[in-house]
Amino acid sequence: MKGKLRMMRAGALLAGVMLVSLFLFAPTPYVIYKPGLATDVGPMVELADPQVAEDSVMMLVTVRQTYPGPMEYLMSLFRGDWDVYRKEQIFREGETRKDYLSRQSVIMRSSQSNAIQAAYRAAGIPYDIVQEGVYVAQVIAGMPAHGVLKAGDRLVEIDGKPVGNSGDVFAALADKRVGDAVTMLVERNDERLELELAVGDFNRQSDSDADSADPRPGIGIQPADRLSVKPADPAHRVNIRVDGIGGPSAGLMFALEIYDQLTEGDLTRGYRLAGTGEIDPEGNVSAIGGVRQKVSAAKREGAEVFLVPEANYEEAKHWAERIGTNMSVVKVGSLGEALDVLAGLPAK
C-alpha cells in the first residue's frame, strides 16, 4: 500500500513538472519586442585618423526579440515597453529565424553604406561607389528558389553569365518561360555551389492563385547589391564592424559618428547621446519600429539626448514622459538637422 502511494505521488509530481514546463516553455505563435541594447557606436567605426574626443558617447539602440512560452506571453500583457506580434507579422512566408537574421544582416550592410555616403556628403568628402557583389536578400515561399537558395547567398553566375549587379539578375531571367531550367553559381559560407532550378510562376505561388491567367515567370528571390563607398583620399576610408545587430535603424547614429570622426571637435558637446533612424545616401532620416523599446534602452544607459525621426517623435516623447526620464527627446528629419541640433546644445 505504501509503495503504491509513493508511486502515485511520484506520478503526480511528474505530471506537475510537465505542466509547469509546458506553461513556461511551450511554443506560442508570438514574437515579443523588448528593450534591447544601447551601445556606443564609436568602437564600431574605424578611420585611419579619427578626429574625436575620447569621452564622446553616441549610442545606437536596439530592440530584442524573444519567442515566448505561455507565461512570458501573459507577462507581456502587463508591460508597456513590450510589444507582441504574431510570427507572420515579423517573418515572411516560409522564412525561418535564420533566414530572417540573414535578411536583416543584408539590410544592415546597406544601411552602413548609406550612412557613410551621408556623412561624406555632409563633410564635403568626394567618393565613388564600387559594386561588390549581388546577394539574396529574400527567398519567396512557394517559388523554385525556396529551399534551394538562402538569404545571404552571393550570386556569382546565372547560366554561365557573371552577375555584377541586380540588373544582371533580371536580365538573365528576362527571356525565361515557366518550366525553363536555370543554373546558378552561388557563394555560401566561403563555398561555391552550382545549383539548378526551374522557372516558376508568381501567379501560381499559392493554391488561391492557381487560376490566375497570365504567367509571371521567376525563380522567387529578391536580390540586393552590396556597395562599397571609397573616398578619393584613402585616409578617409571608413570601416564599420558590427556583430549581432541587423536592420536599418542604426543609420543615423553611424552617420553622426562617422561625421564626428571626420571633423574636428566633439559633436556630442559632452552629452551622452542616443538615437535611431533609417538614413538614405542624401542624409534623409525616416521612421523606424520599436521606438518605445529604444527609448527605454537609452534611459537605462543614461542617455541625455535622444534623436528620433519625425514620424516617431510623438510616441517617443510620450513614452519618455511616462517612464519618468529627463532625457531630451528631439525630432530630426535629416542628418543636417541632427548636426544643427547638436551644434545648438550648450557645451557641458
Protein backbone atom coordinates (compact mmCIF):
# COMPACT_ATOMS: atom_id res chain seq x y z
CA MET A 1 0.00 0.00 0.00
CA LYS A 2 2.79 2.41 0.92
CA GLY A 3 4.63 1.52 -2.29
CA LYS A 4 1.53 2.23 -4.35
CA LEU A 5 1.06 5.58 -2.59
CA ARG A 6 4.65 6.55 -3.31
CA MET A 7 4.15 5.69 -6.98
CA MET A 8 1.01 7.82 -7.12
CA ARG A 9 2.84 10.77 -5.53
CA ALA A 10 5.76 10.36 -7.92
CA GLY A 11 3.34 10.26 -10.86
CA ALA A 12 1.56 13.37 -9.62
CA LEU A 13 4.88 15.16 -9.17
CA LEU A 14 5.98 14.22 -12.68
CA ALA A 15 2.68 15.40 -14.12
CA GLY A 16 3.05 18.67 -12.22
CA VAL A 17 6.59 19.18 -13.55
CA MET A 18 5.37 18.54 -17.08
CA LEU A 19 2.52 21.02 -16.72
CA VAL A 20 4.85 23.70 -15.34
CA SER A 21 7.32 23.04 -18.16
CA LEU A 22 4.57 23.39 -20.73
CA PHE A 23 3.44 26.66 -19.14
CA LEU A 24 6.98 28.03 -19.15
CA PHE A 25 8.42 26.69 -22.38
CA ALA A 26 5.69 25.52 -24.76
CA PRO A 27 5.99 27.36 -28.09
CA THR A 28 3.47 30.06 -28.95
CA PRO A 29 2.78 31.79 -32.30
CA TYR A 30 4.13 35.11 -30.98
CA VAL A 31 7.24 37.30 -31.05
CA ILE A 32 7.86 39.84 -28.27
CA TYR A 33 9.81 43.05 -28.81
CA LYS A 34 11.63 44.21 -25.66
CA PRO A 35 14.13 46.99 -24.92
CA GLY A 36 17.48 45.91 -26.31
CA LEU A 37 20.96 47.39 -26.27
CA ALA A 38 22.12 50.98 -26.08
CA THR A 39 25.70 50.71 -27.33
CA ASP A 40 28.36 53.29 -28.17
CA VAL A 41 28.97 53.22 -31.94
CA GLY A 42 32.42 54.77 -31.58
CA PRO A 43 34.31 51.46 -31.30
CA MET A 44 32.35 50.10 -34.29
CA VAL A 45 33.56 52.84 -36.66
CA GLU A 46 37.18 52.74 -37.81
CA LEU A 47 39.04 55.57 -39.55
CA ALA A 48 42.78 55.85 -40.16
CA ASP A 49 42.99 59.19 -38.31
CA PRO A 50 39.80 59.80 -36.30
CA GLN A 51 39.17 63.34 -35.04
CA VAL A 52 37.09 62.56 -31.99
CA ALA A 53 37.17 63.21 -28.26
CA GLU A 54 37.84 60.12 -26.15
CA ASP A 55 34.85 60.66 -23.86
CA SER A 56 32.41 61.18 -26.75
CA VAL A 57 29.44 58.79 -26.50
CA MET A 58 26.94 58.22 -29.30
CA MET A 59 24.73 55.19 -28.81
CA LEU A 60 22.68 53.17 -31.24
CA VAL A 61 19.67 51.49 -29.65
CA THR A 62 18.10 48.16 -30.48
CA VAL A 63 15.06 46.01 -29.90
CA ARG A 64 15.44 42.48 -28.51
CA GLN A 65 13.23 39.73 -29.90
CA THR A 66 12.09 36.78 -27.81
CA TYR A 67 9.91 33.82 -28.67
CA PRO A 68 7.73 33.40 -25.58
CA GLY A 69 6.17 30.49 -23.81
CA PRO A 70 2.70 30.96 -22.31
CA MET A 71 4.00 32.53 -19.08
CA GLU A 72 6.13 35.14 -20.84
CA TYR A 73 3.24 35.90 -23.16
CA LEU A 74 0.97 36.58 -20.18
CA MET A 75 3.65 38.81 -18.62
CA SER A 76 3.78 40.85 -21.83
CA LEU A 77 0.16 41.93 -21.31
CA PHE A 78 1.29 43.99 -18.31
CA ARG A 79 4.45 45.53 -19.79
CA GLY A 80 4.12 48.83 -21.60
CA ASP A 81 7.53 48.56 -23.22
CA TRP A 82 6.92 45.05 -24.60
CA ASP A 83 5.12 44.68 -27.93
CA VAL A 84 3.58 41.38 -29.02
CA TYR A 85 3.31 40.35 -32.67
CA ARG A 86 2.19 37.19 -34.36
CA LYS A 87 5.10 35.49 -36.11
CA GLU A 88 3.58 36.06 -39.54
CA GLN A 89 3.77 39.82 -38.87
CA ILE A 90 7.56 39.56 -38.48
CA PHE A 91 8.62 36.64 -40.67
CA ARG A 92 7.77 36.50 -44.33
CA GLU A 93 6.02 33.41 -45.65
CA GLY A 94 8.32 30.40 -45.45
CA GLU A 95 11.06 32.41 -43.72
CA THR A 96 12.93 30.80 -40.82
CA ARG A 97 14.56 32.70 -37.95
CA LYS A 98 17.94 32.13 -39.62
CA ASP A 99 16.60 33.48 -42.93
CA TYR A 100 15.18 36.49 -41.11
CA LEU A 101 18.52 37.26 -39.45
CA SER A 102 20.33 36.91 -42.78
CA ARG A 103 17.86 39.34 -44.36
CA GLN A 104 18.37 41.81 -41.52
CA SER A 105 22.13 41.50 -41.93
CA VAL A 106 21.85 42.40 -45.63
CA ILE A 107 19.73 45.41 -44.70
CA MET A 108 22.29 46.46 -42.06
CA ARG A 109 25.11 46.43 -44.62
CA SER A 110 23.04 48.61 -46.95
CA SER A 111 22.32 50.96 -44.03
CA GLN A 112 26.04 51.27 -43.31
CA SER A 113 26.73 52.19 -46.94
CA ASN A 114 24.01 54.86 -46.80
CA ALA A 115 25.41 56.25 -43.53
CA ILE A 116 28.93 56.54 -44.96
CA GLN A 117 27.65 58.35 -48.05
CA ALA A 118 25.52 60.73 -45.98
CA ALA A 119 28.46 61.56 -43.70
CA TYR A 120 30.82 62.11 -46.64
CA ARG A 121 28.29 64.44 -48.28
CA ALA A 122 27.88 66.43 -45.06
CA ALA A 123 31.65 66.68 -44.56
CA GLY A 124 32.31 67.57 -48.22
CA ILE A 125 34.43 64.49 -48.92
CA PRO A 126 34.39 63.20 -52.52
CA TYR A 127 33.83 59.48 -53.02
CA ASP A 128 32.98 56.76 -55.53
CA ILE A 129 30.60 53.81 -55.30
CA VAL A 130 32.07 50.40 -56.10
CA GLN A 131 29.89 47.34 -56.73
CA GLU A 132 30.99 44.39 -54.58
CA GLY A 133 28.52 41.69 -55.46
CA VAL A 134 24.84 40.77 -55.50
CA TYR A 135 23.28 38.88 -52.62
CA VAL A 136 19.97 37.17 -51.97
CA ALA A 137 18.01 39.38 -49.58
CA GLN A 138 14.86 37.24 -49.53
CA VAL A 139 13.64 33.90 -50.84
CA ILE A 140 9.92 33.78 -51.60
CA ALA A 141 7.93 30.81 -50.31
CA GLY A 142 6.19 28.70 -52.94
CA MET A 143 8.72 29.57 -55.65
CA PRO A 144 11.52 27.36 -57.05
CA ALA A 145 14.30 29.15 -55.15
CA HIS A 146 12.66 28.30 -51.82
CA GLY A 147 14.68 25.54 -50.18
CA VAL A 148 17.47 25.88 -52.78
CA LEU A 149 18.81 29.40 -52.35
CA LYS A 150 19.21 31.10 -48.97
CA ALA A 151 19.19 34.70 -47.79
CA GLY A 152 22.82 35.82 -47.74
CA ASP A 153 23.91 33.75 -50.76
CA ARG A 154 26.12 35.66 -53.17
CA LEU A 155 25.04 35.31 -56.80
CA VAL A 156 28.13 34.71 -58.96
CA GLU A 157 26.75 33.42 -62.28
CA ILE A 158 23.40 32.66 -63.91
CA ASP A 159 23.56 30.22 -66.82
CA GLY A 160 27.29 30.86 -67.09
CA LYS A 161 26.97 34.64 -67.25
CA PRO A 162 28.61 36.68 -64.46
CA VAL A 163 26.36 38.65 -62.12
CA GLY A 164 27.74 42.14 -61.45
CA ASN A 165 24.61 43.90 -60.20
CA SER A 166 20.92 43.30 -59.59
CA GLY A 167 20.15 44.31 -63.16
CA ASP A 168 22.15 41.33 -64.40
CA VAL A 169 19.86 39.01 -62.44
CA PHE A 170 16.71 40.40 -64.03
CA ALA A 171 18.35 40.44 -67.49
CA ALA A 172 19.40 36.79 -67.20
CA LEU A 173 15.83 35.76 -66.37
CA ALA A 174 14.01 38.16 -68.71
CA ASP A 175 13.55 35.70 -71.59
CA LYS A 176 12.81 32.65 -69.44
CA ARG A 177 9.49 30.85 -69.54
CA VAL A 178 7.79 28.85 -66.83
CA GLY A 179 9.45 25.44 -66.65
CA ASP A 180 12.79 26.53 -68.17
CA ALA A 181 15.91 25.34 -66.34
CA VAL A 182 18.25 27.83 -64.67
CA THR A 183 21.78 27.06 -63.47
CA MET A 184 23.16 29.31 -60.75
CA LEU A 185 26.63 29.55 -59.26
CA VAL A 186 26.47 30.95 -55.73
CA GLU A 187 28.83 31.50 -52.82
CA ARG A 188 27.64 30.34 -49.41
CA ASN A 189 29.88 30.33 -46.32
CA ASP A 190 33.05 30.61 -48.47
CA GLU A 191 31.95 27.64 -50.60
CA ARG A 192 30.90 27.77 -54.26
CA LEU A 193 27.78 25.79 -55.16
CA GLU A 194 26.29 25.08 -58.59
CA LEU A 195 22.52 24.85 -58.22
CA GLU A 196 19.82 24.07 -60.75
CA LEU A 197 16.16 25.00 -60.56
CA ALA A 198 13.20 25.52 -62.85
CA VAL A 199 11.48 28.83 -63.52
CA GLY A 200 8.19 29.11 -61.67
CA ASP A 201 5.07 31.27 -61.96
CA PHE A 202 4.46 34.02 -59.42
CA ASN A 203 0.76 33.83 -60.26
CA ARG A 204 0.65 30.21 -59.06
CA GLN A 205 2.57 30.89 -55.87
CA SER A 206 -0.31 29.59 -53.75
CA ASP A 207 -3.40 27.47 -54.34
CA SER A 208 -5.60 30.55 -54.21
CA ASP A 209 -3.74 31.93 -57.25
CA ALA A 210 -3.92 28.71 -59.26
CA ASP A 211 -6.47 30.08 -61.76
CA SER A 212 -4.64 33.34 -62.47
CA ALA A 213 -4.46 33.96 -66.20
CA ASP A 214 -1.13 35.25 -67.47
CA PRO A 215 2.01 33.57 -66.08
CA ARG A 216 4.68 35.71 -64.43
CA PRO A 217 7.94 33.76 -64.75
CA GLY A 218 10.52 33.98 -61.97
CA ILE A 219 12.57 31.96 -59.53
CA GLY A 220 11.49 33.76 -56.35
CA ILE A 221 14.35 35.83 -54.98
CA GLN A 222 14.88 39.46 -54.06
CA PRO A 223 18.45 40.42 -54.99
CA ALA A 224 20.39 43.20 -53.25
CA ASP A 225 23.54 44.98 -54.38
CA ARG A 226 26.39 45.24 -51.93
CA LEU A 227 28.15 48.56 -52.44
CA SER A 228 31.49 49.80 -51.19
CA VAL A 229 31.97 53.52 -50.62
CA LYS A 230 35.52 54.60 -51.49
CA PRO A 231 36.69 58.15 -50.74
CA ALA A 232 39.09 59.93 -53.06
CA ASP A 233 41.55 60.19 -50.15
CA PRO A 234 42.28 56.72 -48.65
CA ALA A 235 42.86 58.40 -45.26
CA HIS A 236 39.10 58.96 -45.09
CA ARG A 237 38.24 55.29 -45.65
CA VAL A 238 35.61 54.07 -43.18
CA ASN A 239 35.12 50.53 -41.89
CA ILE A 240 32.13 49.60 -39.74
CA ARG A 241 32.26 46.39 -37.71
CA VAL A 242 29.03 45.21 -36.13
CA ASP A 243 28.20 41.83 -34.64
CA GLY A 244 24.72 40.56 -33.84
CA ILE A 245 22.80 43.68 -34.89
CA GLY A 246 20.65 43.86 -38.02
CA GLY A 247 18.18 46.15 -39.73
CA PRO A 248 18.39 49.76 -40.92
CA SER A 249 17.62 51.82 -37.81
CA ALA A 250 21.23 52.49 -36.72
CA GLY A 251 21.88 54.51 -39.89
CA LEU A 252 21.53 57.96 -38.32
CA MET A 253 23.89 57.18 -35.44
CA PHE A 254 26.50 55.67 -37.73
CA ALA A 255 26.37 58.76 -39.94
CA LEU A 256 26.81 61.07 -36.93
CA GLU A 257 29.74 59.05 -35.58
CA ILE A 258 31.45 58.99 -38.99
CA TYR A 259 30.98 62.74 -39.40
CA ASP A 260 32.31 63.28 -35.87
CA GLN A 261 35.45 61.27 -36.63
CA LEU A 262 35.97 63.08 -39.94
CA THR A 263 35.74 66.57 -38.45
CA GLU A 264 37.41 68.39 -35.57
CA GLY A 265 35.68 68.96 -32.25
CA ASP A 266 33.30 66.89 -30.13
CA LEU A 267 29.94 66.65 -31.86
CA THR A 268 28.25 65.48 -28.64
CA ARG A 269 29.45 68.58 -26.70
CA GLY A 270 29.89 66.37 -23.65
CA TYR A 271 26.39 64.81 -23.62
CA ARG A 272 25.57 61.11 -23.66
CA LEU A 273 23.77 60.91 -26.98
CA ALA A 274 21.48 58.17 -28.25
CA GLY A 275 19.25 57.96 -31.27
CA THR A 276 17.63 55.96 -34.02
CA GLY A 277 16.55 56.42 -37.61
CA GLU A 278 16.98 54.92 -41.05
CA ILE A 279 19.08 57.11 -43.35
CA ASP A 280 19.48 57.35 -47.11
CA PRO A 281 22.62 58.46 -49.01
CA GLU A 282 21.32 62.04 -49.17
CA GLY A 283 21.00 62.15 -45.38
CA ASN A 284 17.21 61.97 -45.10
CA VAL A 285 16.03 60.25 -41.91
CA SER A 286 12.94 58.03 -41.97
CA ALA A 287 10.79 56.19 -39.44
CA ILE A 288 11.73 53.03 -37.58
CA GLY A 289 9.95 50.44 -35.45
CA GLY A 290 10.18 49.69 -31.75
CA VAL A 291 10.66 53.29 -30.64
CA ARG A 292 9.32 52.75 -27.09
CA GLN A 293 11.72 49.88 -26.54
CA LYS A 294 14.58 52.05 -27.80
CA VAL A 295 13.66 54.96 -25.52
CA SER A 296 13.68 52.56 -22.56
CA ALA A 297 17.09 51.19 -23.59
CA ALA A 298 18.51 54.71 -23.93
CA LYS A 299 17.21 55.69 -20.50
CA ARG A 300 18.75 52.58 -18.94
CA GLU A 301 22.20 53.59 -20.26
CA GLY A 302 21.91 57.18 -19.07
CA ALA A 303 21.36 58.97 -22.39
CA GLU A 304 20.75 62.70 -22.01
CA VAL A 305 19.65 63.45 -25.58
CA PHE A 306 17.65 61.10 -27.81
CA LEU A 307 17.37 61.82 -31.55
CA VAL A 308 14.32 60.32 -33.25
CA PRO A 309 12.71 60.54 -36.72
CA GLU A 310 9.85 63.00 -37.02
CA ALA A 311 7.30 60.22 -37.63
CA ASN A 312 8.26 58.54 -34.33
CA TYR A 313 8.55 61.71 -32.25
CA GLU A 314 5.14 61.82 -30.54
CA GLU A 315 5.31 58.19 -29.44
CA ALA A 316 8.91 58.56 -28.23
CA LYS A 317 8.18 61.76 -26.30
CA HIS A 318 5.04 60.33 -24.70
CA TRP A 319 6.88 57.20 -23.60
CA ALA A 320 9.84 59.18 -22.24
CA GLU A 321 7.41 61.19 -20.09
CA ARG A 322 5.60 58.06 -18.95
CA ILE A 323 8.79 56.33 -17.73
CA GLY A 324 9.96 59.49 -15.98
CA THR A 325 13.20 60.25 -17.76
CA ASN A 326 14.77 63.69 -18.03
CA MET A 327 16.29 62.69 -21.35
CA SER A 328 15.60 65.30 -24.01
CA VAL A 329 13.75 63.78 -27.00
CA VAL A 330 14.44 65.68 -30.23
CA LYS A 331 12.93 65.04 -33.66
CA VAL A 332 15.08 65.25 -36.80
CA GLY A 333 14.28 64.80 -40.46
CA SER A 334 17.81 64.67 -41.82
CA LEU A 335 21.46 64.37 -40.88
CA GLY A 336 21.79 68.12 -41.41
CA GLU A 337 19.03 68.80 -38.87
CA ALA A 338 20.69 66.46 -36.39
CA LEU A 339 24.00 68.32 -36.79
CA ASP A 340 22.20 71.63 -36.23
CA VAL A 341 20.55 70.28 -33.07
CA LEU A 342 23.87 69.13 -31.65
CA ALA A 343 25.61 72.37 -32.59
CA GLY A 344 22.94 74.26 -30.65
CA LEU A 345 23.44 72.33 -27.39
CA PRO A 346 25.13 74.33 -24.63
CA ALA A 347 28.55 72.82 -24.03
CA LYS A 348 28.87 70.92 -20.76
